[in-house]
Amino acid sequence: MIITIGDRINKKRLEKGMTLEELGKKVGVSKVTIHKYESKVITNIPSDRIEAMAKALDVSPAYLMGWDDEKDLSDIPGIILPEKLKKIPILGVIACGEPIFAEENYDGYFMLDQNLPQADFILKAKGDSMIDMGIHEGDLVFLRQQPMVENGEVGAVLIDNEATLKKIYINEHEIILQPCNRNYPPIVVKTGDIKIMGKLVGYYHNTDK
């Protein structure tokens, strides 16, 4: 028997006699999205959604995550407990004058399996400039915070308080930001005009954009 967050959502929703649509309205998503949560089509659920579902179902977020069971189930044969998750900040609009990773710039959090590649922050993809590598509008892009990347690696850079994701090529006096879409030309900037925020370590197709 596998206990998942989807199982817990389904169990509590049925106990309260609530339909998929009713829970979706309370959480701010469609009934299709709730069904995807329960059927494990979507397993990485943003923390604000978890909190909203917990409130609607009169349980704690920790209960839905499987972190506050009254008894230790780890020794019971056949039961696999969920892996521990870590909370990764989603970076929103960068406020002028604020440190880049100040909490004021966060646009929520995302719960990520701690065994997946190390990520320190997340950006939401805008536009289709990276579509040739499979990153679409609204996808969540996972990045490891670091001040430099190797030539040809994909990273996030900050230009005029706005973050953008591109392949990065560094020369002596300039940096070339190469989109992964033949319809977009490369962007050439002076080395002092941008700040490298981090390196791409993965991305998640956001089915609930």
Protein backbone atom coordinates (compact mmCIF):
# COMPACT_ATOMS: atom_id res chain seq x y z
CA MET A 1 0.00 0.00 0.00
CA ILE A 2 1.43 3.39 -1.03
CA ILE A 3 0.29 6.45 0.89
CA THR A 4 0.56 9.66 -1.14
CA ILE A 5 -0.61 13.23 -0.84
CA GLY A 6 -3.17 12.44 -3.56
CA ASP A 7 -4.58 9.60 -1.46
CA ARG A 8 -4.90 11.90 1.55
CA ILE A 9 -6.64 14.63 -0.45
CA ASN A 10 -9.09 12.10 -1.90
CA LYS A 11 -9.77 10.50 1.49
CA LYS A 12 -10.50 13.77 3.28
CA ARG A 13 -12.54 15.18 0.39
CA LEU A 14 -14.80 12.12 0.36
CA GLU A 15 -15.09 12.16 4.16
CA LYS A 16 -16.40 15.73 3.93
CA GLY A 17 -18.78 14.84 1.09
CA MET A 18 -17.12 17.39 -1.15
CA THR A 19 -17.05 17.14 -4.95
CA LEU A 20 -13.97 17.76 -7.08
CA GLU A 21 -15.53 21.00 -8.28
CA GLU A 22 -16.32 22.20 -4.75
CA LEU A 23 -12.77 21.61 -3.56
CA GLY A 24 -11.39 23.20 -6.70
CA LYS A 25 -13.41 26.37 -6.09
CA LYS A 26 -12.09 26.62 -2.53
CA VAL A 27 -8.51 26.15 -3.71
CA GLY A 28 -8.79 28.29 -6.84
CA VAL A 29 -8.18 25.57 -9.44
CA SER A 30 -10.35 23.49 -11.77
CA LYS A 31 -11.90 20.15 -10.86
CA VAL A 32 -9.61 18.60 -13.49
CA THR A 33 -6.58 19.82 -11.54
CA ILE A 34 -7.93 18.37 -8.28
CA HIS A 35 -8.49 15.06 -10.08
CA LYS A 36 -4.88 15.17 -11.33
CA TYR A 37 -3.68 15.73 -7.76
CA GLU A 38 -5.71 12.78 -6.47
CA SER A 39 -4.79 10.45 -9.33
CA LYS A 40 -1.09 11.34 -9.05
CA VAL A 41 -0.85 12.82 -12.54
CA ILE A 42 0.47 15.94 -10.78
CA THR A 43 2.68 15.06 -7.81
CA ASN A 44 4.69 18.25 -7.28
CA ILE A 45 2.03 20.52 -5.83
CA PRO A 46 2.93 24.15 -4.96
CA SER A 47 2.93 24.80 -1.22
CA ASP A 48 0.26 27.52 -1.44
CA ARG A 49 -2.10 24.98 -3.02
CA ILE A 50 -1.31 22.46 -0.30
CA GLU A 51 -2.10 25.06 2.35
CA ALA A 52 -5.37 26.00 0.63
CA MET A 53 -6.46 22.36 0.34
CA ALA A 54 -5.55 21.69 3.95
CA LYS A 55 -7.69 24.64 5.05
CA ALA A 56 -10.61 23.50 2.89
CA LEU A 57 -10.37 19.95 4.23
CA ASP A 58 -9.87 21.02 7.89
CA VAL A 59 -6.50 19.32 8.23
CA SER A 60 -2.94 20.57 8.54
CA PRO A 61 -0.59 20.87 5.55
CA ALA A 62 1.71 18.48 7.41
CA TYR A 63 -1.06 15.87 7.45
CA LEU A 64 -1.48 16.07 3.68
CA MET A 65 2.29 15.72 3.27
CA GLY A 66 2.31 12.72 5.59
CA TRP A 67 4.56 14.34 8.17
CA ASP A 68 2.41 14.21 11.30
CA ASP A 69 0.93 10.73 11.55
CA GLU A 70 -0.05 9.83 15.09
CA LYS A 71 1.95 6.61 14.89
CA ASP A 72 5.14 5.62 13.12
CA LEU A 73 4.19 3.67 10.00
CA SER A 74 7.73 3.16 8.75
CA ASP A 75 8.05 -0.31 10.29
CA ILE A 76 4.77 -1.64 8.91
CA PRO A 77 5.45 -4.04 5.99
CA GLY A 78 4.04 -2.95 2.64
CA ILE A 79 3.67 0.74 3.47
CA ILE A 80 5.91 3.21 1.67
CA LEU A 81 5.89 6.68 3.16
CA PRO A 82 6.33 9.78 1.00
CA GLU A 83 9.87 11.10 0.63
CA LYS A 84 10.65 14.27 2.55
CA LEU A 85 10.21 17.37 0.47
CA LYS A 86 12.09 20.65 0.53
CA LYS A 87 10.54 24.07 0.01
CA ILE A 88 12.03 25.97 -2.93
CA PRO A 89 11.18 29.68 -3.41
CA ILE A 90 9.60 30.80 -6.69
CA LEU A 91 11.21 34.10 -7.63
CA GLY A 92 8.77 36.71 -8.88
CA VAL A 93 9.31 40.33 -9.87
CA ILE A 94 12.65 41.62 -8.60
CA ALA A 95 12.06 44.71 -6.47
CA CYS A 96 14.49 47.55 -7.16
CA GLY A 97 16.94 48.07 -4.32
CA GLU A 98 16.14 44.74 -2.67
CA PRO A 99 18.58 41.82 -2.57
CA ILE A 100 17.65 39.40 -5.38
CA PHE A 101 16.78 36.59 -3.01
CA ALA A 102 14.95 38.72 -0.45
CA GLU A 103 11.67 37.18 0.66
CA GLU A 104 9.86 40.23 -0.72
CA ASN A 105 10.71 38.96 -4.21
CA TYR A 106 9.23 35.49 -3.67
CA ASP A 107 6.07 34.54 -5.54
CA GLY A 108 5.33 31.45 -3.47
CA TYR A 109 7.07 28.14 -2.88
CA PHE A 110 7.25 24.75 -4.56
CA MET A 111 7.60 21.44 -2.73
CA LEU A 112 10.39 19.39 -4.33
CA ASP A 113 11.63 15.89 -3.56
CA GLN A 114 14.94 16.32 -1.76
CA ASN A 115 16.47 13.48 -3.81
CA LEU A 116 16.08 15.40 -7.08
CA PRO A 117 18.91 17.60 -8.45
CA GLN A 118 19.79 20.38 -6.05
CA ALA A 119 17.88 23.59 -6.79
CA ASP A 120 17.97 26.81 -4.78
CA PHE A 121 15.26 28.80 -6.52
CA ILE A 122 12.65 28.64 -9.29
CA LEU A 123 11.64 30.97 -12.10
CA LYS A 124 8.48 30.83 -14.19
CA ALA A 125 9.30 30.70 -17.89
CA LYS A 126 8.00 33.63 -19.92
CA GLY A 127 7.50 33.47 -23.68
CA ASP A 128 8.86 30.86 -26.07
CA SER A 129 12.53 31.84 -26.42
CA MET A 130 13.68 28.48 -24.95
CA ILE A 131 11.09 26.26 -26.60
CA ASP A 132 13.62 24.25 -28.66
CA MET A 133 14.95 22.70 -25.45
CA GLY A 134 11.44 21.89 -24.25
CA ILE A 135 10.79 24.87 -21.97
CA HIS A 136 7.38 26.45 -22.59
CA GLU A 137 5.51 29.50 -21.31
CA GLY A 138 4.58 29.01 -17.65
CA ASP A 139 6.92 26.08 -17.01
CA LEU A 140 8.81 26.09 -13.71
CA VAL A 141 12.57 26.34 -14.18
CA PHE A 142 14.81 25.00 -11.40
CA LEU A 143 18.15 26.70 -10.84
CA ARG A 144 21.17 26.29 -8.60
CA GLN A 145 22.40 29.62 -7.31
CA GLN A 146 25.93 30.36 -8.53
CA PRO A 147 27.71 33.48 -9.85
CA MET A 148 29.19 31.89 -12.99
CA VAL A 149 28.45 29.17 -15.56
CA GLU A 150 30.51 27.43 -18.24
CA ASN A 151 30.23 28.59 -21.84
CA GLY A 152 27.19 27.05 -23.50
CA GLU A 153 25.41 26.23 -20.25
CA VAL A 154 21.88 27.49 -19.64
CA GLY A 155 21.48 29.92 -16.80
CA ALA A 156 19.38 32.75 -15.44
CA VAL A 157 20.72 36.28 -15.66
CA LEU A 158 19.40 39.53 -14.26
CA ILE A 159 19.08 42.47 -16.67
CA ASP A 160 17.47 45.72 -15.46
CA ASN A 161 15.85 43.92 -12.51
CA GLU A 162 14.30 41.28 -14.77
CA ALA A 163 15.42 37.66 -14.88
CA THR A 164 15.80 35.84 -18.18
CA LEU A 165 16.83 32.28 -19.07
CA LYS A 166 19.32 31.79 -21.92
CA LYS A 167 22.38 29.85 -23.05
CA ILE A 168 25.35 31.88 -21.88
CA TYR A 169 28.61 32.51 -23.74
CA ILE A 170 31.20 34.69 -22.01
CA ASN A 171 33.92 36.60 -23.87
CA GLU A 172 36.47 39.04 -22.49
CA HIS A 173 34.32 42.14 -22.76
CA GLU A 174 30.83 40.87 -23.52
CA ILE A 175 28.32 38.15 -22.77
CA ILE A 176 26.16 36.55 -25.45
CA LEU A 177 22.74 35.34 -24.34
CA GLN A 178 21.53 32.79 -26.88
CA PRO A 179 17.83 31.86 -27.02
CA CYS A 180 16.88 28.27 -27.89
CA ASN A 181 14.48 29.38 -30.60
CA ARG A 182 15.65 30.20 -34.12
CA ASN A 183 13.10 33.02 -34.32
CA TYR A 184 14.97 35.05 -31.70
CA PRO A 185 18.39 36.70 -32.21
CA PRO A 186 21.12 36.49 -29.56
CA ILE A 187 21.38 39.28 -27.01
CA VAL A 188 24.83 40.84 -26.60
CA VAL A 189 25.58 42.75 -23.40
CA LYS A 190 28.65 44.11 -21.65
CA THR A 191 29.95 41.98 -18.80
CA GLY A 192 29.12 44.64 -16.22
CA ASP A 193 25.53 45.08 -17.33
CA ILE A 194 24.16 41.75 -16.10
CA LYS A 195 24.33 39.49 -13.08
CA ILE A 196 24.38 35.70 -13.42
CA MET A 197 21.90 34.29 -10.91
CA GLY A 198 22.30 30.56 -11.35
CA LYS A 199 22.57 27.48 -13.55
CA LEU A 200 19.65 25.46 -14.93
CA VAL A 201 19.36 22.06 -13.23
CA GLY A 202 15.88 21.04 -14.40
CA TYR A 203 12.39 22.16 -15.34
CA TYR A 204 8.81 21.12 -14.74
CA HIS A 205 6.01 21.30 -17.29
CA ASN A 206 3.39 23.28 -15.42
CA THR A 207 0.07 21.73 -16.44
CA ASP A 208 -1.85 24.24 -14.29
CA LYS A 209 -0.61 27.54 -15.77
